[in-house]
Amino acid sequence: MPALTAVLFDLDQTLYHPSSGLLQAGDQRLTAYLARRQGLSWEAADALRRRLWRQYGTTARGAEIELGICQRELYEYQQLGLDPAAYLQPEPAVSAMLATLPAELYVATNSLGLYAERVLEALGLREHFRQVLDIAVMNWRPKPDPAAYEAMVQAVGLPPQRLALVDDFAWNLPPAGALGMYTIYLGEDEEVIADLILGDLLELPAALAAGGVSWVERPTTPAR
């Protein structure tokens, strides 16, 4: 049975509902940037954005590799020009659910840390999370690159077998599972391979209990 110490949550469309429109607004900004930067029509730029995202994990990573665009520059244009509070509202039910988890909680996101902090503040959830593991923590190697998970494990300072990852993108889970993490998929794809599948984030505590998950505190280092 899994014995966990920490739970890592993806941010966008995991801690809030996809219908908010926030992620779509960010995608539109990316498309506009690529259209202007590369001299493309909107349709061609949007197709490029989608291909880079699927091929490299993020459009920014793909743009850096194929187009020589600095990832930070593209992230800042995409995310720091957005106000998450214009799309999101506090989620008291999610806040109450997170408060019941006897674990260290982290956000593990392919986004910038400042953007993630703004999203958490808009949702009223910041107090629950020990740290944001952002794209910089991942050394600019986004999920599902295996290097991203290795960087997360190093940042948290726990064995991967003590970590769970909750994510709404199925392809982000296999590398985490291969490393030893307990994988939790949030979504409607019934073909996903994961240790746990949720249709609603609020089901998480009961589903973990039903799955036999136990909780282990972080080991303390004995005084010398």
Protein backbone atom coordinates (compact mmCIF):
# COMPACT_ATOMS: atom_id res chain seq x y z
CA MET A 1 0.00 0.00 0.00
CA PRO A 2 1.34 3.48 -0.81
CA ALA A 3 2.69 5.52 2.09
CA LEU A 4 2.85 9.19 1.14
CA THR A 5 4.29 12.33 2.66
CA ALA A 6 3.51 14.95 0.01
CA VAL A 7 1.04 15.60 -2.79
CA LEU A 8 2.04 17.63 -5.86
CA PHE A 9 -0.80 19.33 -7.71
CA ASP A 10 -0.73 20.56 -11.26
CA LEU A 11 -2.07 24.11 -11.45
CA ASP A 12 -4.03 25.05 -14.56
CA GLN A 13 -7.29 23.15 -15.00
CA THR A 14 -6.50 20.99 -11.97
CA LEU A 15 -7.02 23.43 -9.11
CA TYR A 16 -9.71 25.25 -11.08
CA HIS A 17 -12.26 24.23 -13.71
CA PRO A 18 -11.31 24.38 -17.43
CA SER A 19 -14.39 26.48 -18.14
CA SER A 20 -12.81 29.51 -16.44
CA GLY A 21 -11.22 30.62 -19.71
CA LEU A 22 -7.86 31.49 -18.12
CA LEU A 23 -5.81 28.90 -19.96
CA GLN A 24 -7.50 29.77 -23.25
CA ALA A 25 -6.63 33.43 -22.72
CA GLY A 26 -3.00 32.48 -22.25
CA ASP A 27 -3.09 30.39 -25.42
CA GLN A 28 -4.44 33.36 -27.36
CA ARG A 29 -1.58 35.52 -26.14
CA LEU A 30 0.90 32.86 -27.25
CA THR A 31 -0.67 32.65 -30.69
CA ALA A 32 -0.58 36.45 -31.04
CA TYR A 33 3.10 36.52 -30.06
CA LEU A 34 4.05 33.81 -32.55
CA ALA A 35 2.02 35.41 -35.33
CA ARG A 36 3.79 38.74 -34.85
CA ARG A 37 7.25 37.28 -34.19
CA GLN A 38 7.21 34.83 -37.11
CA GLY A 39 5.09 36.84 -39.52
CA LEU A 40 2.36 34.19 -39.63
CA SER A 41 -1.40 34.29 -40.03
CA TRP A 42 -3.41 33.66 -36.87
CA GLU A 43 -4.36 30.19 -38.08
CA ALA A 44 -0.78 29.21 -38.90
CA ALA A 45 0.51 30.61 -35.62
CA ASP A 46 -2.15 28.75 -33.64
CA ALA A 47 -1.29 25.49 -35.40
CA LEU A 48 2.39 26.11 -34.60
CA ARG A 49 1.57 26.79 -30.95
CA ARG A 50 -0.38 23.56 -30.63
CA ARG A 51 2.29 21.45 -32.32
CA LEU A 52 5.09 22.84 -30.18
CA TRP A 53 3.04 22.25 -27.04
CA ARG A 54 2.28 18.63 -27.84
CA GLN A 55 5.80 17.87 -29.06
CA TYR A 56 7.80 19.56 -26.30
CA GLY A 57 5.48 19.80 -23.28
CA THR A 58 5.15 23.58 -23.55
CA THR A 59 5.02 25.96 -26.47
CA ALA A 60 7.83 27.97 -24.87
CA ARG A 61 10.17 24.99 -24.76
CA GLY A 62 9.45 24.16 -28.37
CA ALA A 63 9.86 27.78 -29.45
CA GLU A 64 13.24 27.90 -27.78
CA ILE A 65 14.42 24.72 -29.48
CA GLU A 66 13.02 25.39 -32.95
CA LEU A 67 12.81 29.18 -33.18
CA GLY A 68 15.51 30.41 -30.81
CA ILE A 69 13.03 32.32 -28.64
CA CYS A 70 14.00 32.64 -24.96
CA GLN A 71 11.55 30.66 -22.83
CA ARG A 72 11.40 33.30 -20.12
CA GLU A 73 10.55 36.01 -22.67
CA LEU A 74 7.67 33.98 -24.06
CA TYR A 75 6.38 32.98 -20.62
CA GLU A 76 6.44 36.56 -19.40
CA TYR A 77 4.49 37.79 -22.41
CA GLN A 78 1.96 34.98 -22.12
CA GLN A 79 1.38 34.88 -18.37
CA LEU A 80 2.38 38.13 -16.71
CA GLY A 81 0.05 40.11 -18.94
CA LEU A 82 -2.91 38.17 -17.58
CA ASP A 83 -4.88 38.91 -14.43
CA PRO A 84 -6.05 35.52 -13.06
CA ALA A 85 -8.53 37.28 -10.79
CA ALA A 86 -10.46 38.34 -13.90
CA TYR A 87 -11.14 34.67 -14.68
CA LEU A 88 -11.12 32.93 -11.31
CA GLN A 89 -12.92 33.22 -8.02
CA PRO A 90 -12.22 31.77 -4.58
CA GLU A 91 -12.83 28.04 -4.24
CA PRO A 92 -13.86 27.45 -0.61
CA ALA A 93 -14.80 23.81 -1.23
CA VAL A 94 -11.35 23.07 -2.68
CA SER A 95 -9.75 24.95 0.20
CA ALA A 96 -11.66 22.87 2.73
CA MET A 97 -10.70 19.66 0.93
CA LEU A 98 -7.01 20.55 0.88
CA ALA A 99 -7.13 21.33 4.58
CA THR A 100 -8.15 17.72 5.31
CA LEU A 101 -5.09 16.19 3.65
CA PRO A 102 -2.48 15.21 6.26
CA ALA A 103 0.35 15.85 3.81
CA GLU A 104 2.76 18.47 2.58
CA LEU A 105 1.20 20.13 -0.45
CA TYR A 106 3.03 21.55 -3.46
CA VAL A 107 2.09 23.01 -6.81
CA ALA A 108 3.98 21.42 -9.72
CA THR A 109 3.45 23.55 -12.80
CA ASN A 110 5.00 24.23 -16.19
CA SER A 111 4.22 27.90 -15.58
CA LEU A 112 6.16 30.77 -14.04
CA GLY A 113 6.15 30.95 -10.25
CA LEU A 114 4.77 34.50 -10.16
CA TYR A 115 1.85 33.49 -12.38
CA ALA A 116 1.18 30.44 -10.19
CA GLU A 117 1.20 32.59 -7.06
CA ARG A 118 -1.35 34.94 -8.61
CA VAL A 119 -3.59 32.01 -9.56
CA LEU A 120 -3.42 30.57 -6.04
CA GLU A 121 -4.24 33.96 -4.54
CA ALA A 122 -7.24 34.37 -6.86
CA LEU A 123 -8.47 30.92 -5.85
CA GLY A 124 -7.92 31.58 -2.14
CA LEU A 125 -5.66 28.52 -1.89
CA ARG A 126 -2.15 29.90 -1.35
CA GLU A 127 -2.06 29.13 2.38
CA HIS A 128 -2.26 25.38 1.76
CA PHE A 129 0.89 25.03 -0.32
CA ARG A 130 4.40 24.72 1.03
CA GLN A 131 6.10 25.67 -2.26
CA VAL A 132 5.45 26.29 -5.95
CA LEU A 133 7.60 24.02 -8.12
CA ASP A 134 7.60 26.07 -11.31
CA ILE A 135 9.33 25.84 -14.68
CA ALA A 136 12.46 27.48 -13.24
CA VAL A 137 12.68 24.83 -10.50
CA MET A 138 12.40 22.26 -13.31
CA ASN A 139 15.41 23.93 -14.98
CA TRP A 140 13.15 24.97 -17.90
CA ARG A 141 12.47 21.32 -18.76
CA PRO A 142 8.66 21.00 -18.54
CA LYS A 143 6.51 18.00 -17.77
CA PRO A 144 6.49 15.36 -19.25
CA ASP A 145 10.28 15.58 -19.65
CA PRO A 146 11.71 13.07 -17.11
CA ALA A 147 14.22 15.73 -16.03
CA ALA A 148 11.32 17.83 -14.72
CA TYR A 149 10.29 15.14 -12.24
CA GLU A 150 13.84 14.54 -11.10
CA ALA A 151 14.18 18.26 -10.41
CA MET A 152 10.89 18.26 -8.47
CA VAL A 153 11.98 15.32 -6.34
CA GLN A 154 15.26 17.08 -5.57
CA ALA A 155 13.46 20.30 -4.64
CA VAL A 156 11.01 18.54 -2.32
CA GLY A 157 13.75 16.48 -0.73
CA LEU A 158 11.78 13.25 -0.39
CA PRO A 159 12.00 9.89 -2.14
CA PRO A 160 9.67 9.75 -5.16
CA GLN A 161 7.83 6.83 -3.53
CA ARG A 162 6.62 9.30 -0.88
CA LEU A 163 5.13 11.65 -3.47
CA ALA A 164 1.81 11.74 -5.32
CA LEU A 165 1.19 13.78 -8.46
CA VAL A 166 -2.29 15.03 -9.42
CA ASP A 167 -2.54 16.14 -13.05
CA ASP A 168 -5.25 16.67 -15.65
CA PHE A 169 -2.98 15.82 -18.62
CA ALA A 170 -2.63 12.05 -18.98
CA TRP A 171 0.77 12.24 -20.69
CA ASN A 172 2.27 13.96 -17.63
CA LEU A 173 1.71 10.91 -15.42
CA PRO A 174 3.77 8.02 -16.89
CA PRO A 175 7.17 9.66 -16.26
CA ALA A 176 6.14 10.34 -12.67
CA GLY A 177 5.03 6.74 -12.25
CA ALA A 178 8.26 5.45 -13.77
CA LEU A 179 10.16 7.41 -11.13
CA GLY A 180 8.08 5.84 -8.37
CA MET A 181 5.47 8.51 -7.69
CA TYR A 182 1.84 7.67 -6.97
CA THR A 183 -0.07 9.00 -9.98
CA ILE A 184 -3.54 10.55 -9.85
CA TYR A 185 -5.39 11.53 -13.03
CA LEU A 186 -8.12 14.15 -12.91
CA GLY A 187 -10.36 13.91 -15.95
CA GLU A 188 -12.68 11.82 -18.08
CA ASP A 189 -10.29 9.73 -20.18
CA GLU A 190 -11.00 6.14 -19.18
CA GLU A 191 -7.94 4.81 -21.04
CA VAL A 192 -5.44 6.57 -18.78
CA ILE A 193 -2.96 4.46 -16.86
CA ALA A 194 -2.72 5.87 -13.34
CA ASP A 195 -2.82 4.65 -9.76
CA LEU A 196 -6.00 6.64 -9.16
CA ILE A 197 -8.53 8.31 -11.47
CA LEU A 198 -10.78 11.15 -10.30
CA GLY A 199 -13.73 12.80 -11.97
CA ASP A 200 -13.78 15.62 -9.42
CA LEU A 201 -10.91 17.02 -7.35
CA LEU A 202 -13.12 17.11 -4.27
CA GLU A 203 -13.20 13.30 -4.34
CA LEU A 204 -9.47 13.11 -3.59
CA PRO A 205 -9.43 12.47 0.20
CA ALA A 206 -12.07 9.71 0.03
CA ALA A 207 -10.46 8.12 -3.02
CA LEU A 208 -7.03 8.05 -1.34
CA ALA A 209 -8.52 6.47 1.76
CA ALA A 210 -10.37 3.88 -0.33
CA GLY A 211 -7.11 3.14 -2.15
CA GLY A 212 -5.36 2.25 1.09
CA VAL A 213 -3.03 5.24 1.11
CA SER A 214 -1.34 5.94 4.43
CA TRP A 215 0.50 9.08 5.44
CA VAL A 216 4.07 9.26 6.70
CA GLU A 217 5.62 12.38 8.16
CA ARG A 218 8.85 13.73 6.74
CA PRO A 219 11.77 12.03 8.51
CA THR A 220 13.70 14.33 10.79
CA THR A 221 17.48 14.46 10.72
CA PRO A 222 18.91 13.41 14.11
CA ALA A 223 20.94 16.08 15.87
CA ARG A 224 24.69 15.47 15.83
